[in-house]
Each structure stands twice: as structure tokens, then as C-alpha cells.
Amino acid sequence: MATKHANDGGTVLERQESKVKPPPMYQVLLLNDDYTPMEFVVAVIQQYFNKDRETATQIMLMVHRDGKGMCGVYPKDIASTKVELVLNHARKAGHPLQCVMEEA
């Protein structure tokens, strides 16, 4: 903190350290449905979230078992783009797979 004393003829100046919060992060989640093939879900996780086959399979099983599975945590704009890409890919393939984001 820099302070200039009033008795030396100058004005008093104080610099406060600004505390910059990191931007909020968002989880990207896949939601379970009864129609999208498991193999398609594994392929989507590998393609859009850069996971190896084993990790992608574990995430897919979590989606299947728990109703949702987290594919990654990203800044808002990246998470939003991934959600849009996954949804577009699933629709083009004729699958109802849901992908959502929520603040981490």
C-alpha cells in the first residue's frame, strides 16, 4: 500500500489491492435417457472432451447408473460451446442425448 503523508504538502493517496475473483467455472454434464446407445455416448465423450476410451466408458457408466455424469469443468464460454457441439452432434445422429452445464 502506497501512502503519501498529508504533512509533506501532498494529498493522501492510498492504493488498495484489488482482489480479482477468477471467473466462475461450469461443469458440463451428460444426462441419461433410455434411447441413446452407450457406445455413442462413449464416442461423444472421447471426441468432445478428449478422454481416453477407459475414462469415457467410466463417465458413460456414471450417466447410466446415476442419471448424469460430469465430462469436464470449463470457463462459461467453453462449456457453452461444448454443450452446443454435443447437442448438435446427437441431433444429427438422431439421438435424444442431453448435455447441460451448471456452475461448479
N, C-alpha and C. Protein backbone atom coordinates (compact mmCIF):
# COMPACT_ATOMS: atom_id res chain seq x y z
N MET A 1 0.85 -1.16 0.00
CA MET A 1 0.00 0.00 0.00
C MET A 1 0.90 1.23 0.00
N ALA A 2 0.66 2.14 -0.93
CA ALA A 2 1.45 3.36 -1.00
C ALA A 2 0.65 4.49 -0.34
N THR A 3 1.29 5.18 0.59
CA THR A 3 0.63 6.27 1.28
C THR A 3 1.54 7.50 1.24
N LYS A 4 0.96 8.63 0.89
CA LYS A 4 1.69 9.89 0.92
C LYS A 4 1.15 10.67 2.10
N HIS A 5 2.02 11.15 2.94
CA HIS A 5 1.57 11.83 4.15
C HIS A 5 1.12 13.26 3.86
N ALA A 6 0.03 13.67 4.51
CA ALA A 6 -0.55 14.99 4.30
C ALA A 6 0.38 16.10 4.76
N ASN A 7 1.25 15.85 5.71
CA ASN A 7 2.09 16.91 6.25
C ASN A 7 3.26 17.27 5.35
N ASP A 8 3.46 16.56 4.23
CA ASP A 8 4.54 16.94 3.31
C ASP A 8 4.01 17.79 2.15
N GLY A 9 2.78 18.28 2.30
CA GLY A 9 2.21 19.18 1.31
C GLY A 9 1.42 18.48 0.20
N GLY A 10 1.51 17.18 0.13
CA GLY A 10 0.78 16.45 -0.91
C GLY A 10 -0.56 15.96 -0.39
N THR A 11 -1.28 15.34 -1.22
CA THR A 11 -2.54 14.75 -0.81
C THR A 11 -2.31 13.32 -0.37
N VAL A 12 -3.24 12.82 0.38
CA VAL A 12 -3.13 11.45 0.86
C VAL A 12 -3.67 10.51 -0.22
N LEU A 13 -2.83 9.60 -0.65
CA LEU A 13 -3.22 8.63 -1.66
C LEU A 13 -3.03 7.23 -1.10
N GLU A 14 -4.03 6.42 -1.26
CA GLU A 14 -3.87 5.03 -0.84
C GLU A 14 -4.25 4.14 -2.01
N ARG A 15 -3.44 3.13 -2.21
CA ARG A 15 -3.75 2.17 -3.27
C ARG A 15 -4.21 0.88 -2.60
N GLN A 16 -5.39 0.48 -2.93
CA GLN A 16 -5.88 -0.76 -2.36
C GLN A 16 -5.64 -1.89 -3.35
N GLU A 17 -5.23 -3.01 -2.81
CA GLU A 17 -5.04 -4.18 -3.66
C GLU A 17 -6.43 -4.66 -4.10
N SER A 18 -6.62 -4.74 -5.39
CA SER A 18 -7.91 -5.23 -5.87
C SER A 18 -7.86 -6.76 -5.88
N LYS A 19 -8.89 -7.34 -5.35
CA LYS A 19 -8.96 -8.79 -5.31
C LYS A 19 -9.82 -9.24 -6.49
N VAL A 20 -9.16 -9.77 -7.49
CA VAL A 20 -9.85 -10.21 -8.69
C VAL A 20 -10.23 -11.68 -8.51
N LYS A 21 -11.54 -11.92 -8.58
CA LYS A 21 -12.00 -13.30 -8.46
C LYS A 21 -11.83 -14.00 -9.80
N PRO A 22 -11.42 -15.24 -9.77
CA PRO A 22 -11.36 -15.97 -11.04
C PRO A 22 -12.78 -16.14 -11.59
N PRO A 23 -12.91 -16.26 -12.90
CA PRO A 23 -14.26 -16.41 -13.46
C PRO A 23 -14.89 -17.71 -12.98
N PRO A 24 -16.22 -17.73 -12.87
CA PRO A 24 -16.87 -18.96 -12.42
C PRO A 24 -16.64 -20.07 -13.44
N MET A 25 -16.51 -21.28 -12.95
CA MET A 25 -16.31 -22.44 -13.81
C MET A 25 -17.63 -23.21 -13.89
N TYR A 26 -17.80 -23.93 -14.98
CA TYR A 26 -19.04 -24.67 -15.21
C TYR A 26 -18.75 -26.13 -15.52
N GLN A 27 -19.54 -27.00 -14.90
CA GLN A 27 -19.47 -28.42 -15.18
C GLN A 27 -20.32 -28.69 -16.42
N VAL A 28 -19.80 -29.54 -17.30
CA VAL A 28 -20.58 -29.99 -18.44
C VAL A 28 -21.01 -31.42 -18.13
N LEU A 29 -22.33 -31.63 -18.15
CA LEU A 29 -22.91 -32.92 -17.76
C LEU A 29 -23.69 -33.54 -18.90
N LEU A 30 -23.60 -34.86 -19.00
CA LEU A 30 -24.47 -35.62 -19.89
C LEU A 30 -25.56 -36.22 -19.03
N LEU A 31 -26.79 -36.24 -19.55
CA LEU A 31 -27.92 -36.77 -18.81
C LEU A 31 -28.38 -38.09 -19.43
N ASN A 32 -28.80 -39.01 -18.59
CA ASN A 32 -29.23 -40.32 -19.05
C ASN A 32 -30.58 -40.26 -19.77
N ASP A 33 -30.72 -41.11 -20.76
CA ASP A 33 -32.02 -41.34 -21.40
C ASP A 33 -32.08 -42.83 -21.76
N ASP A 34 -33.23 -43.28 -22.16
CA ASP A 34 -33.40 -44.71 -22.45
C ASP A 34 -33.17 -45.06 -23.92
N TYR A 35 -32.67 -44.12 -24.71
CA TYR A 35 -32.59 -44.34 -26.15
C TYR A 35 -31.20 -44.22 -26.75
N THR A 36 -30.38 -43.31 -26.22
CA THR A 36 -29.05 -43.11 -26.81
C THR A 36 -28.16 -44.31 -26.51
N PRO A 37 -27.57 -44.91 -27.54
CA PRO A 37 -26.69 -46.07 -27.31
C PRO A 37 -25.46 -45.71 -26.48
N MET A 38 -25.07 -46.63 -25.61
CA MET A 38 -23.91 -46.41 -24.74
C MET A 38 -22.66 -46.13 -25.56
N GLU A 39 -22.50 -46.86 -26.66
CA GLU A 39 -21.31 -46.68 -27.50
C GLU A 39 -21.25 -45.28 -28.09
N PHE A 40 -22.41 -44.71 -28.44
CA PHE A 40 -22.47 -43.35 -28.95
C PHE A 40 -22.02 -42.36 -27.88
N VAL A 41 -22.47 -42.57 -26.65
CA VAL A 41 -22.11 -41.69 -25.53
C VAL A 41 -20.59 -41.75 -25.31
N VAL A 42 -20.02 -42.93 -25.33
CA VAL A 42 -18.56 -43.08 -25.16
C VAL A 42 -17.83 -42.31 -26.26
N ALA A 43 -18.29 -42.45 -27.50
CA ALA A 43 -17.65 -41.76 -28.62
C ALA A 43 -17.75 -40.24 -28.47
N VAL A 44 -18.89 -39.74 -28.02
CA VAL A 44 -19.08 -38.29 -27.82
C VAL A 44 -18.11 -37.79 -26.75
N ILE A 45 -17.99 -38.52 -25.66
CA ILE A 45 -17.08 -38.11 -24.57
C ILE A 45 -15.64 -38.08 -25.07
N GLN A 46 -15.25 -39.08 -25.84
CA GLN A 46 -13.89 -39.11 -26.38
C GLN A 46 -13.66 -37.94 -27.33
N GLN A 47 -14.63 -37.69 -28.22
CA GLN A 47 -14.46 -36.67 -29.25
C GLN A 47 -14.49 -35.25 -28.69
N TYR A 48 -15.43 -34.95 -27.84
CA TYR A 48 -15.63 -33.56 -27.41
C TYR A 48 -14.96 -33.21 -26.08
N PHE A 49 -14.56 -34.22 -25.32
CA PHE A 49 -13.95 -33.94 -24.02
C PHE A 49 -12.55 -34.52 -23.88
N ASN A 50 -12.03 -35.03 -25.00
CA ASN A 50 -10.65 -35.52 -25.07
C ASN A 50 -10.31 -36.54 -23.99
N LYS A 51 -11.23 -37.46 -23.75
CA LYS A 51 -10.99 -38.51 -22.76
C LYS A 51 -10.58 -39.79 -23.49
N ASP A 52 -9.75 -40.59 -22.82
CA ASP A 52 -9.42 -41.89 -23.40
C ASP A 52 -10.62 -42.81 -23.28
N ARG A 53 -10.56 -43.94 -23.98
CA ARG A 53 -11.73 -44.82 -24.02
C ARG A 53 -12.14 -45.31 -22.64
N GLU A 54 -11.16 -45.64 -21.80
CA GLU A 54 -11.49 -46.15 -20.47
C GLU A 54 -12.19 -45.08 -19.63
N THR A 55 -11.66 -43.87 -19.63
CA THR A 55 -12.28 -42.77 -18.88
C THR A 55 -13.67 -42.46 -19.43
N ALA A 56 -13.79 -42.43 -20.75
CA ALA A 56 -15.08 -42.15 -21.38
C ALA A 56 -16.11 -43.22 -20.99
N THR A 57 -15.66 -44.47 -20.93
CA THR A 57 -16.57 -45.55 -20.55
C THR A 57 -17.01 -45.39 -19.10
N GLN A 58 -16.11 -44.98 -18.23
CA GLN A 58 -16.47 -44.76 -16.82
C GLN A 58 -17.49 -43.63 -16.68
N ILE A 59 -17.30 -42.56 -17.44
CA ILE A 59 -18.25 -41.44 -17.40
C ILE A 59 -19.61 -41.91 -17.92
N MET A 60 -19.61 -42.67 -19.02
CA MET A 60 -20.85 -43.18 -19.59
C MET A 60 -21.58 -44.06 -18.57
N LEU A 61 -20.85 -44.90 -17.86
CA LEU A 61 -21.48 -45.76 -16.85
C LEU A 61 -22.06 -44.93 -15.71
N MET A 62 -21.40 -43.84 -15.36
CA MET A 62 -21.93 -42.94 -14.34
C MET A 62 -23.24 -42.31 -14.82
N VAL A 63 -23.27 -41.90 -16.08
CA VAL A 63 -24.51 -41.35 -16.66
C VAL A 63 -25.61 -42.39 -16.58
N HIS A 64 -25.28 -43.61 -16.97
CA HIS A 64 -26.27 -44.70 -16.99
C HIS A 64 -26.77 -45.03 -15.58
N ARG A 65 -25.85 -45.10 -14.63
CA ARG A 65 -26.18 -45.52 -13.27
C ARG A 65 -26.79 -44.39 -12.43
N ASP A 66 -26.22 -43.19 -12.51
CA ASP A 66 -26.61 -42.09 -11.62
C ASP A 66 -27.53 -41.07 -12.28
N GLY A 67 -27.77 -41.22 -13.57
CA GLY A 67 -28.64 -40.28 -14.26
C GLY A 67 -27.92 -39.11 -14.89
N LYS A 68 -26.67 -38.88 -14.48
CA LYS A 68 -25.86 -37.83 -15.09
C LYS A 68 -24.40 -38.11 -14.80
N GLY A 69 -23.55 -37.56 -15.65
CA GLY A 69 -22.11 -37.73 -15.47
C GLY A 69 -21.39 -36.49 -15.93
N MET A 70 -20.36 -36.10 -15.18
CA MET A 70 -19.61 -34.90 -15.50
C MET A 70 -18.48 -35.23 -16.48
N CYS A 71 -18.45 -34.47 -17.55
CA CYS A 71 -17.43 -34.68 -18.58
C CYS A 71 -16.24 -33.75 -18.41
N GLY A 72 -16.43 -32.64 -17.70
CA GLY A 72 -15.33 -31.69 -17.51
C GLY A 72 -15.82 -30.40 -16.89
N VAL A 73 -14.86 -29.56 -16.50
CA VAL A 73 -15.16 -28.26 -15.90
C VAL A 73 -14.40 -27.20 -16.71
N TYR A 74 -15.14 -26.18 -17.16
CA TYR A 74 -14.57 -25.20 -18.08
C TYR A 74 -15.09 -23.80 -17.76
N PRO A 75 -14.40 -22.77 -18.28
CA PRO A 75 -14.98 -21.42 -18.22
C PRO A 75 -16.30 -21.41 -18.99
N LYS A 76 -17.14 -20.44 -18.70
CA LYS A 76 -18.52 -20.41 -19.23
C LYS A 76 -18.58 -20.53 -20.75
N ASP A 77 -17.77 -19.77 -21.48
CA ASP A 77 -17.87 -19.78 -22.94
C ASP A 77 -17.47 -21.12 -23.53
N ILE A 78 -16.47 -21.75 -22.96
CA ILE A 78 -16.03 -23.06 -23.46
C ILE A 78 -17.09 -24.12 -23.12
N ALA A 79 -17.61 -24.08 -21.91
CA ALA A 79 -18.65 -25.03 -21.50
C ALA A 79 -19.87 -24.90 -22.42
N SER A 80 -20.28 -23.68 -22.69
CA SER A 80 -21.43 -23.42 -23.54
C SER A 80 -21.21 -23.97 -24.95
N THR A 81 -20.02 -23.77 -25.48
CA THR A 81 -19.69 -24.27 -26.82
C THR A 81 -19.72 -25.79 -26.85
N LYS A 82 -19.17 -26.43 -25.83
CA LYS A 82 -19.17 -27.89 -25.78
C LYS A 82 -20.60 -28.44 -25.71
N VAL A 83 -21.44 -27.82 -24.91
CA VAL A 83 -22.85 -28.25 -24.82
C VAL A 83 -23.49 -28.16 -26.20
N GLU A 84 -23.30 -27.05 -26.88
CA GLU A 84 -23.91 -26.85 -28.19
C GLU A 84 -23.39 -27.88 -29.20
N LEU A 85 -22.08 -28.13 -29.21
CA LEU A 85 -21.49 -29.10 -30.13
C LEU A 85 -22.04 -30.51 -29.89
N VAL A 86 -22.12 -30.91 -28.62
CA VAL A 86 -22.62 -32.24 -28.29
C VAL A 86 -24.08 -32.37 -28.70
N LEU A 87 -24.90 -31.38 -28.38
CA LEU A 87 -26.32 -31.43 -28.73
C LEU A 87 -26.52 -31.50 -30.24
N ASN A 88 -25.77 -30.70 -30.99
CA ASN A 88 -25.88 -30.73 -32.45
C ASN A 88 -25.47 -32.08 -33.01
N HIS A 89 -24.39 -32.64 -32.50
CA HIS A 89 -23.91 -33.95 -32.95
C HIS A 89 -24.95 -35.03 -32.66
N ALA A 90 -25.51 -35.01 -31.46
CA ALA A 90 -26.51 -36.02 -31.08
C ALA A 90 -27.76 -35.90 -31.95
N ARG A 91 -28.23 -34.68 -32.21
CA ARG A 91 -29.44 -34.49 -33.02
C ARG A 91 -29.21 -34.99 -34.45
N LYS A 92 -28.03 -34.66 -35.01
CA LYS A 92 -27.73 -35.10 -36.37
C LYS A 92 -27.69 -36.61 -36.46
N ALA A 93 -27.28 -37.27 -35.37
CA ALA A 93 -27.22 -38.73 -35.34
C ALA A 93 -28.57 -39.34 -34.97
N GLY A 94 -29.56 -38.49 -34.65
CA GLY A 94 -30.89 -38.98 -34.32
C GLY A 94 -31.05 -39.46 -32.89
N HIS A 95 -30.21 -38.97 -31.99
CA HIS A 95 -30.28 -39.39 -30.59
C HIS A 95 -30.75 -38.23 -29.70
N PRO A 96 -31.51 -38.55 -28.64
CA PRO A 96 -32.03 -37.51 -27.75
C PRO A 96 -31.08 -37.14 -26.60
N LEU A 97 -29.81 -37.50 -26.71
CA LEU A 97 -28.84 -37.23 -25.65
C LEU A 97 -28.90 -35.77 -25.21
N GLN A 98 -28.96 -35.55 -23.91
CA GLN A 98 -29.00 -34.21 -23.34
C GLN A 98 -27.65 -33.88 -22.72
N CYS A 99 -27.19 -32.66 -22.98
CA CYS A 99 -25.94 -32.16 -22.42
C CYS A 99 -26.25 -30.80 -21.83
N VAL A 100 -25.86 -30.58 -20.58
CA VAL A 100 -26.17 -29.33 -19.88
C VAL A 100 -24.92 -28.84 -19.16
N MET A 101 -24.98 -27.59 -18.74
CA MET A 101 -23.89 -27.04 -17.93
C MET A 101 -24.48 -26.41 -16.68
N GLU A 102 -23.71 -26.50 -15.59
CA GLU A 102 -24.13 -25.85 -14.35
C GLU A 102 -22.89 -25.33 -13.65
N GLU A 103 -23.06 -24.25 -12.91
CA GLU A 103 -21.92 -23.64 -12.23
C GLU A 103 -21.31 -24.62 -11.24
N ALA A 104 -20.00 -24.71 -11.30
CA ALA A 104 -19.28 -25.65 -10.43
C ALA A 104 -19.18 -25.12 -9.02
